[in-house]
Amino acid sequence: KEKFGVILEIFSRKMVKHIVLFKLKPFNSESERLAACEKIKSELSALVEKVPTLLTAEVGINCNPNEQFDIALTTTHNDMEGLKEYAQHPLHVDVAKNYIRPILEARSCCDYQY
């Protein structure tokens, strides 16, 4: 009976999806903007192998010039605690501090359970 309770608790947990949109500051050229987007994509994608609570990460660069955001990040975590650990992980903080914040104009985020 105790084992069943543990299994039930595991399966009743809700996963968390973390979606972030980044709008970067203006660049002198489109090639500079794309290079910055590719660097951010590379750095964020590499975190999957290094941050234990980061289950998946998908990073997309906007291809629609009529939209205002440049990059979309979608990550998955086992729970809100896992998302919190990811947000505070030194490697994630380093990527945000060194590659995103210096060129960030705006950010929008939504976290939901599923």
C-alpha atoms as a PDB file:
ATOM      1  CA  LYS A   1       0.000   0.000   0.000  1.00  0.00           C
ATOM      2  CA  GLU A   2       2.841   2.421   0.840  1.00  0.00           C
ATOM      3  CA  LYS A   3       4.559   1.684  -2.464  1.00  0.00           C
ATOM      4  CA  PHE A   4       1.309   2.418  -4.333  1.00  0.00           C
ATOM      5  CA  GLY A   5       1.076   5.798  -2.557  1.00  0.00           C
ATOM      6  CA  VAL A   6       4.575   6.746  -3.697  1.00  0.00           C
ATOM      7  CA  ILE A   7       3.807   5.705  -7.274  1.00  0.00           C
ATOM      8  CA  LEU A   8       0.525   7.636  -7.203  1.00  0.00           C
ATOM      9  CA  GLU A   9       2.316  10.739  -5.910  1.00  0.00           C
ATOM     10  CA  ILE A  10       4.890  10.541  -8.707  1.00  0.00           C
ATOM     11  CA  PHE A  11       2.243  10.190 -11.405  1.00  0.00           C
ATOM     12  CA  SER A  12       0.010  12.910  -9.957  1.00  0.00           C
ATOM     13  CA  ARG A  13       2.768  15.541 -10.094  1.00  0.00           C
ATOM     14  CA  LYS A  14       2.336  18.042 -12.824  1.00  0.00           C
ATOM     15  CA  MET A  15       5.149  18.847 -15.193  1.00  0.00           C
ATOM     16  CA  VAL A  16       5.959  22.511 -15.818  1.00  0.00           C
ATOM     17  CA  LYS A  17       6.450  24.181 -19.162  1.00  0.00           C
ATOM     18  CA  HIS A  18       8.434  27.456 -19.087  1.00  0.00           C
ATOM     19  CA  ILE A  19       8.028  29.710 -22.126  1.00  0.00           C
ATOM     20  CA  VAL A  20      10.090  32.866 -22.531  1.00  0.00           C
ATOM     21  CA  LEU A  21      10.130  35.404 -25.343  1.00  0.00           C
ATOM     22  CA  PHE A  22      13.124  37.691 -25.777  1.00  0.00           C
ATOM     23  CA  LYS A  23      13.188  40.964 -27.705  1.00  0.00           C
ATOM     24  CA  LEU A  24      16.726  42.120 -28.340  1.00  0.00           C
ATOM     25  CA  LYS A  25      17.967  45.683 -28.637  1.00  0.00           C
ATOM     26  CA  PRO A  26      18.438  46.990 -32.191  1.00  0.00           C
ATOM     27  CA  PHE A  27      21.577  45.910 -34.062  1.00  0.00           C
ATOM     28  CA  ASN A  28      23.511  47.656 -36.818  1.00  0.00           C
ATOM     29  CA  SER A  29      22.671  44.853 -39.243  1.00  0.00           C
ATOM     30  CA  GLU A  30      20.490  41.791 -39.619  1.00  0.00           C
ATOM     31  CA  SER A  31      23.578  39.587 -39.714  1.00  0.00           C
ATOM     32  CA  GLU A  32      24.668  40.919 -36.296  1.00  0.00           C
ATOM     33  CA  ARG A  33      21.184  40.255 -34.888  1.00  0.00           C
ATOM     34  CA  LEU A  34      21.159  36.708 -36.260  1.00  0.00           C
ATOM     35  CA  ALA A  35      24.663  36.003 -34.913  1.00  0.00           C
ATOM     36  CA  ALA A  36      23.558  37.158 -31.442  1.00  0.00           C
ATOM     37  CA  CYS A  37      20.409  35.022 -31.678  1.00  0.00           C
ATOM     38  CA  GLU A  38      22.435  31.966 -32.726  1.00  0.00           C
ATOM     39  CA  LYS A  39      24.868  32.457 -29.821  1.00  0.00           C
ATOM     40  CA  ILE A  40      22.003  32.701 -27.320  1.00  0.00           C
ATOM     41  CA  LYS A  41      20.363  29.640 -28.875  1.00  0.00           C
ATOM     42  CA  SER A  42      23.594  27.664 -28.605  1.00  0.00           C
ATOM     43  CA  GLU A  43      24.228  28.678 -24.988  1.00  0.00           C
ATOM     44  CA  LEU A  44      20.671  27.963 -23.822  1.00  0.00           C
ATOM     45  CA  SER A  45      20.468  24.635 -25.688  1.00  0.00           C
ATOM     46  CA  ALA A  46      23.727  23.461 -24.106  1.00  0.00           C
ATOM     47  CA  LEU A  47      22.200  23.769 -20.629  1.00  0.00           C
ATOM     48  CA  VAL A  48      20.147  20.587 -21.134  1.00  0.00           C
ATOM     49  CA  GLU A  49      23.279  18.491 -20.721  1.00  0.00           C
ATOM     50  CA  LYS A  50      24.457  20.469 -17.685  1.00  0.00           C
ATOM     51  CA  VAL A  51      21.445  21.405 -15.518  1.00  0.00           C
ATOM     52  CA  PRO A  52      19.830  18.327 -13.920  1.00  0.00           C
ATOM     53  CA  THR A  53      16.328  19.818 -13.509  1.00  0.00           C
ATOM     54  CA  LEU A  54      16.183  20.987 -17.135  1.00  0.00           C
ATOM     55  CA  LEU A  55      14.550  18.092 -18.976  1.00  0.00           C
ATOM     56  CA  THR A  56      14.206  19.699 -22.403  1.00  0.00           C
ATOM     57  CA  ALA A  57      14.957  23.032 -24.026  1.00  0.00           C
ATOM     58  CA  GLU A  58      13.816  24.247 -27.407  1.00  0.00           C
ATOM     59  CA  VAL A  59      15.100  27.573 -28.670  1.00  0.00           C
ATOM     60  CA  GLY A  60      13.702  29.164 -31.797  1.00  0.00           C
ATOM     61  CA  ILE A  61      14.739  32.273 -33.675  1.00  0.00           C
ATOM     62  CA  ASN A  62      11.837  34.289 -35.013  1.00  0.00           C
ATOM     63  CA  CYS A  63      11.535  34.168 -38.802  1.00  0.00           C
ATOM     64  CA  ASN A  64       8.569  36.550 -39.040  1.00  0.00           C
ATOM     65  CA  PRO A  65       9.700  40.194 -39.343  1.00  0.00           C
ATOM     66  CA  ASN A  66       6.175  41.367 -38.479  1.00  0.00           C
ATOM     67  CA  GLU A  67       6.512  40.052 -34.924  1.00  0.00           C
ATOM     68  CA  GLN A  68       8.278  41.887 -32.133  1.00  0.00           C
ATOM     69  CA  PHE A  69      10.190  39.144 -30.299  1.00  0.00           C
ATOM     70  CA  ASP A  70      13.447  37.667 -31.578  1.00  0.00           C
ATOM     71  CA  ILE A  71      13.824  34.409 -29.634  1.00  0.00           C
ATOM     72  CA  ALA A  72      11.425  31.909 -28.084  1.00  0.00           C
ATOM     73  CA  LEU A  73      12.593  29.517 -25.359  1.00  0.00           C
ATOM     74  CA  THR A  74      10.503  26.572 -24.193  1.00  0.00           C
ATOM     75  CA  THR A  75      11.774  24.349 -21.385  1.00  0.00           C
ATOM     76  CA  THR A  76      10.240  21.489 -19.412  1.00  0.00           C
ATOM     77  CA  HIS A  77      10.745  20.596 -15.766  1.00  0.00           C
ATOM     78  CA  ASN A  78       9.362  17.924 -13.452  1.00  0.00           C
ATOM     79  CA  ASP A  79       7.764  20.541 -11.201  1.00  0.00           C
ATOM     80  CA  MET A  80       7.929  24.186 -10.071  1.00  0.00           C
ATOM     81  CA  GLU A  81      10.814  23.359  -7.747  1.00  0.00           C
ATOM     82  CA  GLY A  82      12.782  22.057 -10.729  1.00  0.00           C
ATOM     83  CA  LEU A  83      12.072  25.283 -12.610  1.00  0.00           C
ATOM     84  CA  LYS A  84      13.261  27.287  -9.609  1.00  0.00           C
ATOM     85  CA  GLU A  85      16.481  25.245  -9.418  1.00  0.00           C
ATOM     86  CA  TYR A  86      17.057  25.790 -13.150  1.00  0.00           C
ATOM     87  CA  ALA A  87      16.482  29.547 -12.815  1.00  0.00           C
ATOM     88  CA  GLN A  88      19.019  29.751  -9.986  1.00  0.00           C
ATOM     89  CA  HIS A  89      21.577  27.338 -11.436  1.00  0.00           C
ATOM     90  CA  PRO A  90      24.960  29.091 -11.872  1.00  0.00           C
ATOM     91  CA  LEU A  91      25.277  28.049 -15.524  1.00  0.00           C
ATOM     92  CA  HIS A  92      21.825  29.436 -16.367  1.00  0.00           C
ATOM     93  CA  VAL A  93      22.577  32.639 -14.463  1.00  0.00           C
ATOM     94  CA  ASP A  94      25.849  32.930 -16.404  1.00  0.00           C
ATOM     95  CA  VAL A  95      24.099  32.630 -19.782  1.00  0.00           C
ATOM     96  CA  ALA A  96      21.528  35.248 -18.792  1.00  0.00           C
ATOM     97  CA  LYS A  97      24.143  37.627 -17.408  1.00  0.00           C
ATOM     98  CA  ASN A  98      26.721  37.349 -20.181  1.00  0.00           C
ATOM     99  CA  TYR A  99      24.743  36.650 -23.350  1.00  0.00           C
ATOM    100  CA  ILE A 100      21.148  37.801 -22.904  1.00  0.00           C
ATOM    101  CA  ARG A 101      20.854  40.745 -20.493  1.00  0.00           C
ATOM    102  CA  PRO A 102      23.457  42.973 -22.196  1.00  0.00           C
ATOM    103  CA  ILE A 103      21.379  42.997 -25.405  1.00  0.00           C
ATOM    104  CA  LEU A 104      17.873  42.457 -23.974  1.00  0.00           C
ATOM    105  CA  GLU A 105      15.194  45.047 -24.596  1.00  0.00           C
ATOM    106  CA  ALA A 106      12.149  43.112 -23.348  1.00  0.00           C
ATOM    107  CA  ARG A 107      11.209  39.718 -21.948  1.00  0.00           C
ATOM    108  CA  SER A 108       7.879  37.980 -21.523  1.00  0.00           C
ATOM    109  CA  CYS A 109       7.292  34.699 -19.707  1.00  0.00           C
ATOM    110  CA  CYS A 110       4.563  32.164 -18.989  1.00  0.00           C
ATOM    111  CA  ASP A 111       4.877  29.042 -16.820  1.00  0.00           C
ATOM    112  CA  TYR A 112       2.142  26.427 -16.736  1.00  0.00           C
ATOM    113  CA  GLN A 113       1.528  22.942 -15.424  1.00  0.00           C
ATOM    114  CA  TYR A 114       0.389  20.090 -17.615  1.00  0.00           C
END
